[in-house]
Amino acid sequence: MILRDVTDEDLPIFFEHQRDPEALRMAAFPSRERDAFMTHWRTNVLRPENVNRTIVMGGVVVGNIGSWEQDAMHLVGYWIGREHWGKGIATRALSEFLVLKPTRPLHAWAALHNLASIRVLEKCGFRLVVNENPHPPGGVAEVLMRLGST
């Protein structure tokens, strides 16, 4: 596996990954239309202060991983194309990414029903900080995980 800088050619692949209905359900994250997705990545995600990598396995782009600051927290997030789930890619990518992003504490939000993602975070040393309202009105319950002390 290789974590390399994100290129403009990666964005259409990431766009397709975030359109997958099952991935959207697991992430509890809304899909963006193509133009909005490309604009978001080019103007918000790929800012110089953020750390972003494309995840490549066997010469194939399988997902992305990145870190940014929000609400006075350093956050990490990743997205793996559904056809690559269940192969340990997320755990391996996050483990390698944590070497590139030594900032601690590092946080991650996960949908409470996304047990696979919560398990990936736990395997990489993240621990539960906050379990948001388990039955939010009209929303999705989330957990906040943290790596390192506050």
Protein backbone atom coordinates (compact mmCIF):
# COMPACT_ATOMS: atom_id res chain seq x y z
CA MET A 1 0.00 0.00 0.00
CA ILE A 2 1.11 3.52 -0.79
CA LEU A 3 -0.10 6.80 0.68
CA ARG A 4 0.73 9.50 -1.84
CA ASP A 5 -0.21 13.11 -2.40
CA VAL A 6 -3.68 13.65 -3.85
CA THR A 7 -3.72 14.62 -7.52
CA ASP A 8 -6.51 16.20 -9.54
CA GLU A 9 -6.88 12.85 -11.37
CA ASP A 10 -7.86 11.20 -8.07
CA LEU A 11 -10.89 13.42 -7.52
CA PRO A 12 -13.24 11.69 -10.01
CA ILE A 13 -12.49 8.37 -8.26
CA PHE A 14 -13.19 9.89 -4.85
CA PHE A 15 -16.39 11.36 -6.29
CA GLU A 16 -17.59 7.93 -7.38
CA HIS A 17 -16.70 6.43 -3.99
CA GLN A 18 -18.88 9.00 -2.21
CA ARG A 19 -21.85 8.25 -4.47
CA ASP A 20 -22.14 4.61 -3.36
CA PRO A 21 -25.45 4.21 -1.45
CA GLU A 22 -24.10 1.66 1.06
CA ALA A 23 -21.01 3.75 1.78
CA LEU A 24 -23.21 6.79 2.33
CA ARG A 25 -25.39 4.83 4.75
CA MET A 26 -22.37 3.60 6.69
CA ALA A 27 -20.72 7.02 6.82
CA ALA A 28 -24.03 8.80 7.47
CA PHE A 29 -22.71 11.51 5.21
CA PRO A 30 -24.56 13.11 2.30
CA SER A 31 -23.27 12.76 -1.23
CA ARG A 32 -22.41 15.91 -3.15
CA GLU A 33 -23.17 16.61 -6.80
CA ARG A 34 -20.08 16.52 -9.01
CA ASP A 35 -19.42 20.27 -9.26
CA ALA A 36 -20.00 20.80 -5.54
CA PHE A 37 -17.75 17.83 -4.73
CA MET A 38 -14.89 19.08 -6.92
CA THR A 39 -15.19 22.61 -5.56
CA HIS A 40 -15.23 21.37 -1.97
CA TRP A 41 -12.10 19.29 -2.50
CA ARG A 42 -10.19 21.97 -4.39
CA THR A 43 -11.07 24.84 -2.05
CA ASN A 44 -11.50 23.22 1.38
CA VAL A 45 -9.96 19.76 1.58
CA LEU A 46 -6.74 20.39 -0.36
CA ARG A 47 -5.70 23.46 1.62
CA PRO A 48 -1.97 23.57 2.42
CA GLU A 49 -2.60 23.35 6.17
CA ASN A 50 -4.46 20.03 5.77
CA VAL A 51 -2.73 16.67 5.33
CA ASN A 52 -4.36 14.52 2.63
CA ARG A 53 -3.27 11.33 0.94
CA THR A 54 -4.57 9.03 -1.75
CA ILE A 55 -4.56 5.37 -0.75
CA VAL A 56 -3.17 3.14 -3.52
CA MET A 57 -3.11 -0.66 -3.50
CA GLY A 58 -1.57 -2.60 -6.37
CA GLY A 59 -1.55 0.51 -8.55
CA VAL A 60 -5.28 1.14 -7.94
CA VAL A 61 -6.68 4.16 -6.09
CA VAL A 62 -8.81 2.61 -3.34
CA GLY A 63 -9.59 5.63 -1.20
CA ASN A 64 -8.35 8.68 0.63
CA ILE A 65 -7.37 9.75 4.12
CA GLY A 66 -6.85 13.19 5.55
CA SER A 67 -6.64 15.46 8.53
CA TRP A 68 -7.90 18.98 9.15
CA GLU A 69 -8.65 21.34 12.02
CA GLN A 70 -12.25 22.05 12.98
CA ASP A 71 -13.78 23.41 16.17
CA ALA A 72 -10.31 23.64 17.77
CA MET A 73 -9.73 19.90 17.18
CA HIS A 74 -7.43 18.09 14.79
CA LEU A 75 -9.63 15.56 12.99
CA VAL A 76 -8.89 12.59 10.76
CA GLY A 77 -11.19 10.96 8.25
CA TYR A 78 -10.95 8.35 5.52
CA TRP A 79 -13.06 6.90 2.75
CA ILE A 80 -12.43 3.53 1.15
CA GLY A 81 -14.23 2.46 -2.02
CA ARG A 82 -16.79 -0.22 -1.09
CA GLU A 83 -15.25 -2.79 -3.46
CA HIS A 84 -12.15 -2.64 -1.21
CA TRP A 85 -13.87 -3.07 2.18
CA GLY A 86 -12.97 -5.97 4.44
CA LYS A 87 -9.35 -6.21 3.34
CA GLY A 88 -7.73 -4.32 6.22
CA ILE A 89 -6.97 -1.33 4.01
CA ALA A 90 -8.51 1.29 6.32
CA THR A 91 -6.60 0.01 9.36
CA ARG A 92 -3.33 -0.14 7.47
CA ALA A 93 -3.83 3.28 5.87
CA LEU A 94 -4.73 4.91 9.18
CA SER A 95 -1.74 3.30 10.92
CA GLU A 96 0.61 4.65 8.27
CA PHE A 97 -1.12 8.03 8.18
CA LEU A 98 -0.66 8.48 11.93
CA VAL A 99 3.10 8.50 11.35
CA LEU A 100 2.65 11.36 8.84
CA LYS A 101 0.34 13.25 11.20
CA PRO A 102 2.03 13.17 14.63
CA THR A 103 -0.28 15.84 16.12
CA ARG A 104 -1.96 14.61 19.30
CA PRO A 105 -4.63 14.55 20.38
CA LEU A 106 -6.22 13.55 17.10
CA HIS A 107 -9.99 13.04 16.85
CA ALA A 108 -12.38 11.20 14.56
CA TRP A 109 -16.17 11.18 14.33
CA ALA A 110 -17.93 7.96 13.34
CA ALA A 111 -21.57 7.05 12.94
CA LEU A 112 -22.57 4.89 15.89
CA HIS A 113 -23.89 2.19 13.53
CA ASN A 114 -20.58 2.05 11.61
CA LEU A 115 -19.00 -0.62 13.78
CA ALA A 116 -16.33 -1.41 11.19
CA SER A 117 -15.00 2.14 11.22
CA ILE A 118 -15.13 2.33 15.01
CA ARG A 119 -13.13 -0.92 15.11
CA VAL A 120 -10.52 0.51 12.70
CA LEU A 121 -10.11 3.52 14.97
CA GLU A 122 -9.82 1.31 18.07
CA LYS A 123 -7.19 -0.89 16.41
CA CYS A 124 -5.15 2.26 15.77
CA GLY A 125 -5.38 3.37 19.41
CA PHE A 126 -8.39 5.72 19.36
CA ARG A 127 -10.68 5.61 22.38
CA LEU A 128 -14.27 6.75 22.89
CA VAL A 129 -14.62 10.32 24.14
CA VAL A 130 -18.26 11.21 23.51
CA ASN A 131 -21.29 9.19 22.55
CA GLU A 132 -23.63 11.77 21.05
CA ASN A 133 -27.36 11.51 21.73
CA PRO A 134 -28.07 7.90 20.68
CA HIS A 135 -31.45 8.95 19.27
CA PRO A 136 -31.01 12.45 17.86
CA PRO A 137 -34.22 13.81 16.38
CA GLY A 138 -33.92 13.51 12.61
CA GLY A 139 -30.20 12.80 12.80
CA VAL A 140 -27.60 10.10 13.12
CA ALA A 141 -25.97 9.14 16.40
CA GLU A 142 -22.21 9.64 16.32
CA VAL A 143 -19.24 8.89 18.53
CA LEU A 144 -16.15 11.00 18.96
CA MET A 145 -12.94 9.03 19.24
CA ARG A 146 -9.56 10.39 20.40
CA LEU A 147 -5.95 9.31 20.01
CA GLY A 148 -3.64 10.75 22.63
CA SER A 149 -4.34 12.83 25.69
CA THR A 150 -6.02 16.22 25.82
